[in-house]
Amino acid sequence: MPRTAPTQKETRLSIRTTEPEKTILRQAAQARHMNTSEFVRQASLDAARTILVDQTDFRLPPEEWEAFCAALDAPAKTIPALRKLFSEEEPYA
């Protein structure tokens, strides 16, 4: 993984960890030829982007997209249990 030129950071983020966890992080950072702070920052950002993309980006192959759109356009199914549930009075009304 290529290293990028260091940039001046504006804020500090501190975390507390156990010594064994710190050792694992240090070893992983060394394996990526990074210092521990760079590694933790990059790994955290990668994890955050993965989580957020699942909430904001939706991709399907063309044939699955067509099936998905057809399902959205299809008439709603009547589910008796849901119809009964929604016709009952709210418990905290």
PDB file of N, CA and C in Angstrom:
ATOM      1  N   MET A   1       0.848  -1.166   0.000  1.00  0.00           N
ATOM      2  CA  MET A   1       0.000   0.000   0.000  1.00  0.00           C
ATOM      3  C   MET A   1       0.900   1.237   0.000  1.00  0.00           C
ATOM      4  N   PRO A   2       0.791   2.118  -0.987  1.00  0.00           N
ATOM      5  CA  PRO A   2       1.660   3.275  -1.063  1.00  0.00           C
ATOM      6  C   PRO A   2       1.337   4.294   0.015  1.00  0.00           C
ATOM      7  N   ARG A   3       2.375   4.897   0.526  1.00  0.00           N
ATOM      8  CA  ARG A   3       2.197   5.936   1.533  1.00  0.00           C
ATOM      9  C   ARG A   3       1.981   7.262   0.844  1.00  0.00           C
ATOM     10  N   THR A   4       1.117   8.071   1.408  1.00  0.00           N
ATOM     11  CA  THR A   4       0.887   9.394   0.865  1.00  0.00           C
ATOM     12  C   THR A   4       1.672  10.400   1.690  1.00  0.00           C
ATOM     13  N   ALA A   5       1.867  11.564   1.128  1.00  0.00           N
ATOM     14  CA  ALA A   5       2.598  12.597   1.843  1.00  0.00           C
ATOM     15  C   ALA A   5       1.816  12.986   3.096  1.00  0.00           C
ATOM     16  N   PRO A   6       2.511  13.152   4.225  1.00  0.00           N
ATOM     17  CA  PRO A   6       1.808  13.518   5.444  1.00  0.00           C
ATOM     18  C   PRO A   6       1.202  14.912   5.333  1.00  0.00           C
ATOM     19  N   THR A   7       0.033  15.059   5.905  1.00  0.00           N
ATOM     20  CA  THR A   7      -0.618  16.369   5.927  1.00  0.00           C
ATOM     21  C   THR A   7      -0.812  16.779   7.372  1.00  0.00           C
ATOM     22  N   GLN A   8      -0.894  18.069   7.590  1.00  0.00           N
ATOM     23  CA  GLN A   8      -1.089  18.588   8.942  1.00  0.00           C
ATOM     24  C   GLN A   8      -2.518  18.284   9.393  1.00  0.00           C
ATOM     25  N   LYS A   9      -2.650  17.624  10.507  1.00  0.00           N
ATOM     26  CA  LYS A   9      -3.965  17.294  11.049  1.00  0.00           C
ATOM     27  C   LYS A   9      -4.406  18.432  11.976  1.00  0.00           C
ATOM     28  N   GLU A  10      -5.696  18.688  12.005  1.00  0.00           N
ATOM     29  CA  GLU A  10      -6.220  19.807  12.777  1.00  0.00           C
ATOM     30  C   GLU A  10      -6.706  19.429  14.159  1.00  0.00           C
ATOM     31  N   THR A  11      -7.129  18.185  14.337  1.00  0.00           N
ATOM     32  CA  THR A  11      -7.653  17.785  15.638  1.00  0.00           C
ATOM     33  C   THR A  11      -7.025  16.474  16.070  1.00  0.00           C
ATOM     34  N   ARG A  12      -7.149  16.195  17.356  1.00  0.00           N
ATOM     35  CA  ARG A  12      -6.582  14.981  17.923  1.00  0.00           C
ATOM     36  C   ARG A  12      -7.722  14.062  18.344  1.00  0.00           C
ATOM     37  N   LEU A  13      -7.523  12.777  18.136  1.00  0.00           N
ATOM     38  CA  LEU A  13      -8.466  11.752  18.560  1.00  0.00           C
ATOM     39  C   LEU A  13      -7.685  10.771  19.415  1.00  0.00           C
ATOM     40  N   SER A  14      -8.101  10.597  20.642  1.00  0.00           N
ATOM     41  CA  SER A  14      -7.403   9.680  21.550  1.00  0.00           C
ATOM     42  C   SER A  14      -8.284   8.487  21.853  1.00  0.00           C
ATOM     43  N   ILE A  15      -7.655   7.324  21.974  1.00  0.00           N
ATOM     44  CA  ILE A  15      -8.392   6.127  22.368  1.00  0.00           C
ATOM     45  C   ILE A  15      -7.618   5.436  23.480  1.00  0.00           C
ATOM     46  N   ARG A  16      -8.333   4.696  24.285  1.00  0.00           N
ATOM     47  CA  ARG A  16      -7.707   3.885  25.321  1.00  0.00           C
ATOM     48  C   ARG A  16      -7.803   2.440  24.881  1.00  0.00           C
ATOM     49  N   THR A  17      -6.747   1.686  25.153  1.00  0.00           N
ATOM     50  CA  THR A  17      -6.704   0.293  24.736  1.00  0.00           C
ATOM     51  C   THR A  17      -5.881  -0.507  25.736  1.00  0.00           C
ATOM     52  N   THR A  18      -5.982  -1.801  25.645  1.00  0.00           N
ATOM     53  CA  THR A  18      -5.143  -2.652  26.497  1.00  0.00           C
ATOM     54  C   THR A  18      -3.777  -2.803  25.834  1.00  0.00           C
ATOM     55  N   GLU A  19      -2.815  -3.238  26.589  1.00  0.00           N
ATOM     56  CA  GLU A  19      -1.474  -3.442  26.033  1.00  0.00           C
ATOM     57  C   GLU A  19      -1.473  -4.514  24.938  1.00  0.00           C
ATOM     58  N   PRO A  20      -2.192  -5.647  25.130  1.00  0.00           N
ATOM     59  CA  PRO A  20      -2.241  -6.633  24.035  1.00  0.00           C
ATOM     60  C   PRO A  20      -2.883  -6.074  22.760  1.00  0.00           C
ATOM     61  N   GLU A  21      -3.936  -5.259  22.899  1.00  0.00           N
ATOM     62  CA  GLU A  21      -4.564  -4.652  21.722  1.00  0.00           C
ATOM     63  C   GLU A  21      -3.594  -3.697  21.031  1.00  0.00           C
ATOM     64  N   LYS A  22      -2.876  -2.929  21.828  1.00  0.00           N
ATOM     65  CA  LYS A  22      -1.903  -1.990  21.265  1.00  0.00           C
ATOM     66  C   LYS A  22      -0.807  -2.738  20.511  1.00  0.00           C
ATOM     67  N   THR A  23      -0.393  -3.869  21.043  1.00  0.00           N
ATOM     68  CA  THR A  23       0.627  -4.687  20.377  1.00  0.00           C
ATOM     69  C   THR A  23       0.126  -5.177  19.024  1.00  0.00           C
ATOM     70  N   ILE A  24      -1.117  -5.644  18.977  1.00  0.00           N
ATOM     71  CA  ILE A  24      -1.710  -6.104  17.714  1.00  0.00           C
ATOM     72  C   ILE A  24      -1.764  -4.962  16.703  1.00  0.00           C
ATOM     73  N   LEU A  25      -2.204  -3.799  17.153  1.00  0.00           N
ATOM     74  CA  LEU A  25      -2.289  -2.647  16.265  1.00  0.00           C
ATOM     75  C   LEU A  25      -0.905  -2.247  15.749  1.00  0.00           C
ATOM     76  N   ARG A  26       0.078  -2.268  16.630  1.00  0.00           N
ATOM     77  CA  ARG A  26       1.444  -1.918  16.238  1.00  0.00           C
ATOM     78  C   ARG A  26       1.973  -2.907  15.197  1.00  0.00           C
ATOM     79  N   GLN A  27       1.721  -4.202  15.423  1.00  0.00           N
ATOM     80  CA  GLN A  27       2.190  -5.234  14.479  1.00  0.00           C
ATOM     81  C   GLN A  27       1.512  -5.078  13.117  1.00  0.00           C
ATOM     82  N   ALA A  28       0.221  -4.823  13.137  1.00  0.00           N
ATOM     83  CA  ALA A  28      -0.498  -4.643  11.872  1.00  0.00           C
ATOM     84  C   ALA A  28       0.005  -3.399  11.143  1.00  0.00           C
ATOM     85  N   ALA A  29       0.264  -2.340  11.885  1.00  0.00           N
ATOM     86  CA  ALA A  29       0.788  -1.113  11.283  1.00  0.00           C
ATOM     87  C   ALA A  29       2.140  -1.375  10.632  1.00  0.00           C
ATOM     88  N   GLN A  30       3.000  -2.101  11.316  1.00  0.00           N
ATOM     89  CA  GLN A  30       4.316  -2.418  10.764  1.00  0.00           C
ATOM     90  C   GLN A  30       4.185  -3.244   9.489  1.00  0.00           C
ATOM     91  N   ALA A  31       3.222  -4.158   9.469  1.00  0.00           N
ATOM     92  CA  ALA A  31       3.004  -4.984   8.278  1.00  0.00           C
ATOM     93  C   ALA A  31       2.581  -4.132   7.083  1.00  0.00           C
ATOM     94  N   ARG A  32       1.940  -3.005   7.336  1.00  0.00           N
ATOM     95  CA  ARG A  32       1.510  -2.082   6.275  1.00  0.00           C
ATOM     96  C   ARG A  32       2.500  -0.945   6.060  1.00  0.00           C
ATOM     97  N   HIS A  33       3.635  -1.011   6.754  1.00  0.00           N
ATOM     98  CA  HIS A  33       4.678   0.020   6.655  1.00  0.00           C
ATOM     99  C   HIS A  33       4.129   1.395   7.039  1.00  0.00           C
ATOM    100  N   MET A  34       3.375   1.419   8.138  1.00  0.00           N
ATOM    101  CA  MET A  34       2.789   2.650   8.657  1.00  0.00           C
ATOM    102  C   MET A  34       3.117   2.747  10.132  1.00  0.00           C
ATOM    103  N   ASN A  35       2.999   3.958  10.683  1.00  0.00           N
ATOM    104  CA  ASN A  35       3.081   4.028  12.134  1.00  0.00           C
ATOM    105  C   ASN A  35       1.706   3.691  12.696  1.00  0.00           C
ATOM    106  N   THR A  36       1.645   3.441  13.984  1.00  0.00           N
ATOM    107  CA  THR A  36       0.394   2.978  14.595  1.00  0.00           C
ATOM    108  C   THR A  36      -0.734   3.983  14.422  1.00  0.00           C
ATOM    109  N   SER A  37      -0.443   5.266  14.602  1.00  0.00           N
ATOM    110  CA  SER A  37      -1.487   6.293  14.447  1.00  0.00           C
ATOM    111  C   SER A  37      -2.049   6.300  13.025  1.00  0.00           C
ATOM    112  N   GLU A  38      -1.157   6.239  12.027  1.00  0.00           N
ATOM    113  CA  GLU A  38      -1.624   6.217  10.638  1.00  0.00           C
ATOM    114  C   GLU A  38      -2.499   4.987  10.383  1.00  0.00           C
ATOM    115  N   PHE A  39      -2.054   3.848  10.905  1.00  0.00           N
ATOM    116  CA  PHE A  39      -2.798   2.608  10.692  1.00  0.00           C
ATOM    117  C   PHE A  39      -4.183   2.677  11.329  1.00  0.00           C
ATOM    118  N   VAL A  40      -4.249   3.108  12.590  1.00  0.00           N
ATOM    119  CA  VAL A  40      -5.536   3.177  13.290  1.00  0.00           C
ATOM    120  C   VAL A  40      -6.456   4.168  12.589  1.00  0.00           C
ATOM    121  N   ARG A  41      -5.915   5.302  12.179  1.00  0.00           N
ATOM    122  CA  ARG A  41      -6.717   6.309  11.480  1.00  0.00           C
ATOM    123  C   ARG A  41      -7.266   5.730  10.178  1.00  0.00           C
ATOM    124  N   GLN A  42      -6.395   5.113   9.367  1.00  0.00           N
ATOM    125  CA  GLN A  42      -6.834   4.586   8.077  1.00  0.00           C
ATOM    126  C   GLN A  42      -7.812   3.425   8.240  1.00  0.00           C
ATOM    127  N   ALA A  43      -7.532   2.517   9.166  1.00  0.00           N
ATOM    128  CA  ALA A  43      -8.431   1.383   9.391  1.00  0.00           C
ATOM    129  C   ALA A  43      -9.797   1.860   9.884  1.00  0.00           C
ATOM    130  N   SER A  44      -9.796   2.864  10.744  1.00  0.00           N
ATOM    131  CA  SER A  44     -11.063   3.407  11.253  1.00  0.00           C
ATOM    132  C   SER A  44     -11.852   4.078  10.135  1.00  0.00           C
ATOM    133  N   LEU A  45     -11.175   4.848   9.303  1.00  0.00           N
ATOM    134  CA  LEU A  45     -11.857   5.497   8.184  1.00  0.00           C
ATOM    135  C   LEU A  45     -12.393   4.472   7.194  1.00  0.00           C
ATOM    136  N   ASP A  46     -11.615   3.429   6.907  1.00  0.00           N
ATOM    137  CA  ASP A  46     -12.085   2.366   6.005  1.00  0.00           C
ATOM    138  C   ASP A  46     -13.342   1.703   6.562  1.00  0.00           C
ATOM    139  N   ALA A  47     -13.329   1.392   7.857  1.00  0.00           N
ATOM    140  CA  ALA A  47     -14.488   0.759   8.493  1.00  0.00           C
ATOM    141  C   ALA A  47     -15.690   1.698   8.465  1.00  0.00           C
ATOM    142  N   ALA A  48     -15.472   2.967   8.750  1.00  0.00           N
ATOM    143  CA  ALA A  48     -16.565   3.947   8.751  1.00  0.00           C
ATOM    144  C   ALA A  48     -17.173   4.080   7.355  1.00  0.00           C
ATOM    145  N   ARG A  49     -16.314   4.148   6.340  1.00  0.00           N
ATOM    146  CA  ARG A  49     -16.831   4.262   4.963  1.00  0.00           C
ATOM    147  C   ARG A  49     -17.620   3.019   4.563  1.00  0.00           C
ATOM    148  N   THR A  50     -17.158   1.850   4.980  1.00  0.00           N
ATOM    149  CA  THR A  50     -17.873   0.612   4.678  1.00  0.00           C
ATOM    150  C   THR A  50     -19.265   0.630   5.306  1.00  0.00           C
ATOM    151  N   ILE A  51     -19.340   1.069   6.544  1.00  0.00           N
ATOM    152  CA  ILE A  51     -20.633   1.153   7.224  1.00  0.00           C
ATOM    153  C   ILE A  51     -21.537   2.169   6.544  1.00  0.00           C
ATOM    154  N   LEU A  52     -21.005   3.339   6.235  1.00  0.00           N
ATOM    155  CA  LEU A  52     -21.816   4.399   5.646  1.00  0.00           C
ATOM    156  C   LEU A  52     -22.244   4.094   4.219  1.00  0.00           C
ATOM    157  N   VAL A  53     -21.401   3.433   3.435  1.00  0.00           N
ATOM    158  CA  VAL A  53     -21.791   3.120   2.062  1.00  0.00           C
ATOM    159  C   VAL A  53     -22.974   2.161   2.047  1.00  0.00           C
ATOM    160  N   ASP A  54     -23.059   1.281   3.040  1.00  0.00           N
ATOM    161  CA  ASP A  54     -24.207   0.377   3.126  1.00  0.00           C
ATOM    162  C   ASP A  54     -25.497   1.139   3.399  1.00  0.00           C
ATOM    163  N   GLN A  55     -25.373   2.348   3.922  1.00  0.00           N
ATOM    164  CA  GLN A  55     -26.556   3.143   4.232  1.00  0.00           C
ATOM    165  C   GLN A  55     -26.873   4.148   3.135  1.00  0.00           C
ATOM    166  N   THR A  56     -25.929   4.414   2.234  1.00  0.00           N
ATOM    167  CA  THR A  56     -26.133   5.474   1.254  1.00  0.00           C
ATOM    168  C   THR A  56     -26.020   5.021  -0.194  1.00  0.00           C
ATOM    169  N   ASP A  57     -25.410   3.894  -0.466  1.00  0.00           N
ATOM    170  CA  ASP A  57     -25.157   3.472  -1.833  1.00  0.00           C
ATOM    171  C   ASP A  57     -25.761   2.097  -2.052  1.00  0.00           C
ATOM    172  N   PHE A  58     -26.542   1.976  -3.104  1.00  0.00           N
ATOM    173  CA  PHE A  58     -27.246   0.734  -3.383  1.00  0.00           C
ATOM    174  C   PHE A  58     -26.958   0.340  -4.817  1.00  0.00           C
ATOM    175  N   ARG A  59     -26.225  -0.761  -5.011  1.00  0.00           N
ATOM    176  CA  ARG A  59     -25.837  -1.177  -6.358  1.00  0.00           C
ATOM    177  C   ARG A  59     -26.257  -2.621  -6.606  1.00  0.00           C
ATOM    178  N   LEU A  60     -26.747  -2.840  -7.811  1.00  0.00           N
ATOM    179  CA  LEU A  60     -27.125  -4.187  -8.239  1.00  0.00           C
ATOM    180  C   LEU A  60     -26.711  -4.379  -9.690  1.00  0.00           C
ATOM    181  N   PRO A  61     -26.431  -5.617 -10.079  1.00  0.00           N
ATOM    182  CA  PRO A  61     -26.221  -5.890 -11.513  1.00  0.00           C
ATOM    183  C   PRO A  61     -27.515  -5.572 -12.267  1.00  0.00           C
ATOM    184  N   PRO A  62     -27.426  -5.252 -13.547  1.00  0.00           N
ATOM    185  CA  PRO A  62     -28.611  -4.825 -14.314  1.00  0.00           C
ATOM    186  C   PRO A  62     -29.819  -5.748 -14.192  1.00  0.00           C
ATOM    187  N   GLU A  63     -29.609  -7.071 -14.283  1.00  0.00           N
ATOM    188  CA  GLU A  63     -30.772  -7.977 -14.228  1.00  0.00           C
ATOM    189  C   GLU A  63     -31.421  -7.973 -12.838  1.00  0.00           C
ATOM    190  N   GLU A  64     -30.611  -7.848 -11.782  1.00  0.00           N
ATOM    191  CA  GLU A  64     -31.180  -7.776 -10.437  1.00  0.00           C
ATOM    192  C   GLU A  64     -31.858  -6.428 -10.199  1.00  0.00           C
ATOM    193  N   TRP A  65     -31.325  -5.362 -10.813  1.00  0.00           N
ATOM    194  CA  TRP A  65     -31.945  -4.035 -10.687  1.00  0.00           C
ATOM    195  C   TRP A  65     -33.338  -4.063 -11.310  1.00  0.00           C
ATOM    196  N   GLU A  66     -33.459  -4.706 -12.468  1.00  0.00           N
ATOM    197  CA  GLU A  66     -34.769  -4.799 -13.128  1.00  0.00           C
ATOM    198  C   GLU A  66     -35.759  -5.573 -12.265  1.00  0.00           C
ATOM    199  N   ALA A  67     -35.322  -6.658 -11.651  1.00  0.00           N
ATOM    200  CA  ALA A  67     -36.196  -7.442 -10.774  1.00  0.00           C
ATOM    201  C   ALA A  67     -36.578  -6.623  -9.538  1.00  0.00           C
ATOM    202  N   PHE A  68     -35.624  -5.867  -9.008  1.00  0.00           N
ATOM    203  CA  PHE A  68     -35.890  -5.023  -7.848  1.00  0.00           C
ATOM    204  C   PHE A  68     -36.934  -3.962  -8.189  1.00  0.00           C
ATOM    205  N   CYS A  69     -36.759  -3.300  -9.327  1.00  0.00           N
ATOM    206  CA  CYS A  69     -37.725  -2.273  -9.741  1.00  0.00           C
ATOM    207  C   CYS A  69     -39.108  -2.873  -9.990  1.00  0.00           C
ATOM    208  N   ALA A  70     -39.144  -4.068 -10.569  1.00  0.00           N
ATOM    209  CA  ALA A  70     -40.432  -4.738 -10.802  1.00  0.00           C
ATOM    210  C   ALA A  70     -41.118  -5.042  -9.476  1.00  0.00           C
ATOM    211  N   ALA A  71     -40.346  -5.456  -8.495  1.00  0.00           N
ATOM    212  CA  ALA A  71     -40.927  -5.738  -7.172  1.00  0.00           C
ATOM    213  C   ALA A  71     -41.465  -4.459  -6.536  1.00  0.00           C
ATOM    214  N   LEU A  72     -40.761  -3.351  -6.712  1.00  0.00           N
ATOM    215  CA  LEU A  72     -41.245  -2.077  -6.171  1.00  0.00           C
ATOM    216  C   LEU A  72     -42.520  -1.611  -6.870  1.00  0.00           C
ATOM    217  N   ASP A  73     -42.592  -1.866  -8.163  1.00  0.00           N
ATOM    218  CA  ASP A  73     -43.751  -1.427  -8.944  1.00  0.00           C
ATOM    219  C   ASP A  73     -44.961  -2.348  -8.796  1.00  0.00           C
ATOM    220  N   ALA A  74     -44.755  -3.545  -8.290  1.00  0.00           N
ATOM    221  CA  ALA A  74     -45.854  -4.506  -8.147  1.00  0.00           C
ATOM    222  C   ALA A  74     -46.838  -4.025  -7.075  1.00  0.00           C
ATOM    223  N   PRO A  75     -48.096  -4.401  -7.210  1.00  0.00           N
ATOM    224  CA  PRO A  75     -49.079  -4.033  -6.184  1.00  0.00           C
ATOM    225  C   PRO A  75     -48.677  -4.609  -4.822  1.00  0.00           C
ATOM    226  N   ALA A  76     -49.029  -3.883  -3.786  1.00  0.00           N
ATOM    227  CA  ALA A  76     -48.712  -4.334  -2.430  1.00  0.00           C
ATOM    228  C   ALA A  76     -49.473  -5.611  -2.107  1.00  0.00           C
ATOM    229  N   LYS A  77     -48.825  -6.487  -1.352  1.00  0.00           N
ATOM    230  CA  LYS A  77     -49.474  -7.718  -0.926  1.00  0.00           C
ATOM    231  C   LYS A  77     -50.306  -7.405   0.315  1.00  0.00           C
ATOM    232  N   THR A  78     -51.438  -8.061   0.418  1.00  0.00           N
ATOM    233  CA  THR A  78     -52.240  -7.943   1.624  1.00  0.00           C
ATOM    234  C   THR A  78     -51.797  -9.032   2.590  1.00  0.00           C
ATOM    235  N   ILE A  79     -51.374  -8.611   3.765  1.00  0.00           N
ATOM    236  CA  ILE A  79     -50.947  -9.553   4.795  1.00  0.00           C
ATOM    237  C   ILE A  79     -51.946  -9.417   5.942  1.00  0.00           C
ATOM    238  N   PRO A  80     -52.814 -10.408   6.114  1.00  0.00           N
ATOM    239  CA  PRO A  80     -53.879 -10.312   7.110  1.00  0.00           C
ATOM    240  C   PRO A  80     -53.377  -9.943   8.513  1.00  0.00           C
ATOM    241  N   ALA A  81     -52.289 -10.519   8.947  1.00  0.00           N
ATOM    242  CA  ALA A  81     -51.791 -10.221  10.292  1.00  0.00           C
ATOM    243  C   ALA A  81     -51.405  -8.751  10.428  1.00  0.00           C
ATOM    244  N   LEU A  82     -50.819  -8.179   9.385  1.00  0.00           N
ATOM    245  CA  LEU A  82     -50.475  -6.755   9.440  1.00  0.00           C
ATOM    246  C   LEU A  82     -51.723  -5.883   9.385  1.00  0.00           C
ATOM    247  N   ARG A  83     -52.681  -6.259   8.547  1.00  0.00           N
ATOM    248  CA  ARG A  83     -53.927  -5.490   8.477  1.00  0.00           C
ATOM    249  C   ARG A  83     -54.598  -5.461   9.853  1.00  0.00           C
ATOM    250  N   LYS A  84     -54.620  -6.610  10.551  1.00  0.00           N
ATOM    251  CA  LYS A  84     -55.209  -6.688  11.889  1.00  0.00           C
ATOM    252  C   LYS A  84     -54.417  -5.834  12.866  1.00  0.00           C
ATOM    253  N   LEU A  85     -53.092  -5.925  12.803  1.00  0.00           N
ATOM    254  CA  LEU A  85     -52.242  -5.163  13.710  1.00  0.00           C
ATOM    255  C   LEU A  85     -52.470  -3.664  13.562  1.00  0.00           C
ATOM    256  N   PHE A  86     -52.525  -3.188  12.322  1.00  0.00           N
ATOM    257  CA  PHE A  86     -52.679  -1.763  12.087  1.00  0.00           C
ATOM    258  C   PHE A  86     -54.098  -1.264  12.336  1.00  0.00           C
ATOM    259  N   SER A  87     -55.056  -2.166  12.440  1.00  0.00           N
ATOM    260  CA  SER A  87     -56.421  -1.737  12.727  1.00  0.00           C
ATOM    261  C   SER A  87     -56.686  -1.654  14.241  1.00  0.00           C
ATOM    262  N   GLU A  88     -55.770  -2.191  15.033  1.00  0.00           N
ATOM    263  CA  GLU A  88     -55.936  -2.124  16.495  1.00  0.00           C
ATOM    264  C   GLU A  88     -55.515  -0.763  17.022  1.00  0.00           C
ATOM    265  N   GLU A  89     -56.085  -0.399  18.171  1.00  0.00           N
ATOM    266  CA  GLU A  89     -55.737   0.851  18.809  1.00  0.00           C
ATOM    267  C   GLU A  89     -54.307   0.775  19.355  1.00  0.00           C
ATOM    268  N   GLU A  90     -53.605   1.900  19.279  1.00  0.00           N
ATOM    269  CA  GLU A  90     -52.246   1.937  19.788  1.00  0.00           C
ATOM    270  C   GLU A  90     -52.249   1.760  21.299  1.00  0.00           C
ATOM    271  N   PRO A  91     -51.309   1.005  21.839  1.00  0.00           N
ATOM    272  CA  PRO A  91     -51.311   0.750  23.280  1.00  0.00           C
ATOM    273  C   PRO A  91     -51.015   2.007  24.110  1.00  0.00           C
ATOM    274  N   TYR A  92     -50.324   2.992  23.533  1.00  0.00           N
ATOM    275  CA  TYR A  92     -49.964   4.189  24.298  1.00  0.00           C
ATOM    276  C   TYR A  92     -50.638   5.422  23.759  1.00  0.00           C
ATOM    277  N   ALA A  93     -51.816   5.262  23.182  1.00  0.00           N
ATOM    278  CA  ALA A  93     -52.525   6.395  22.594  1.00  0.00           C
ATOM    279  C   ALA A  93     -53.100   7.304  23.654  1.00  0.00           C
TER     280      ALA A  93
END
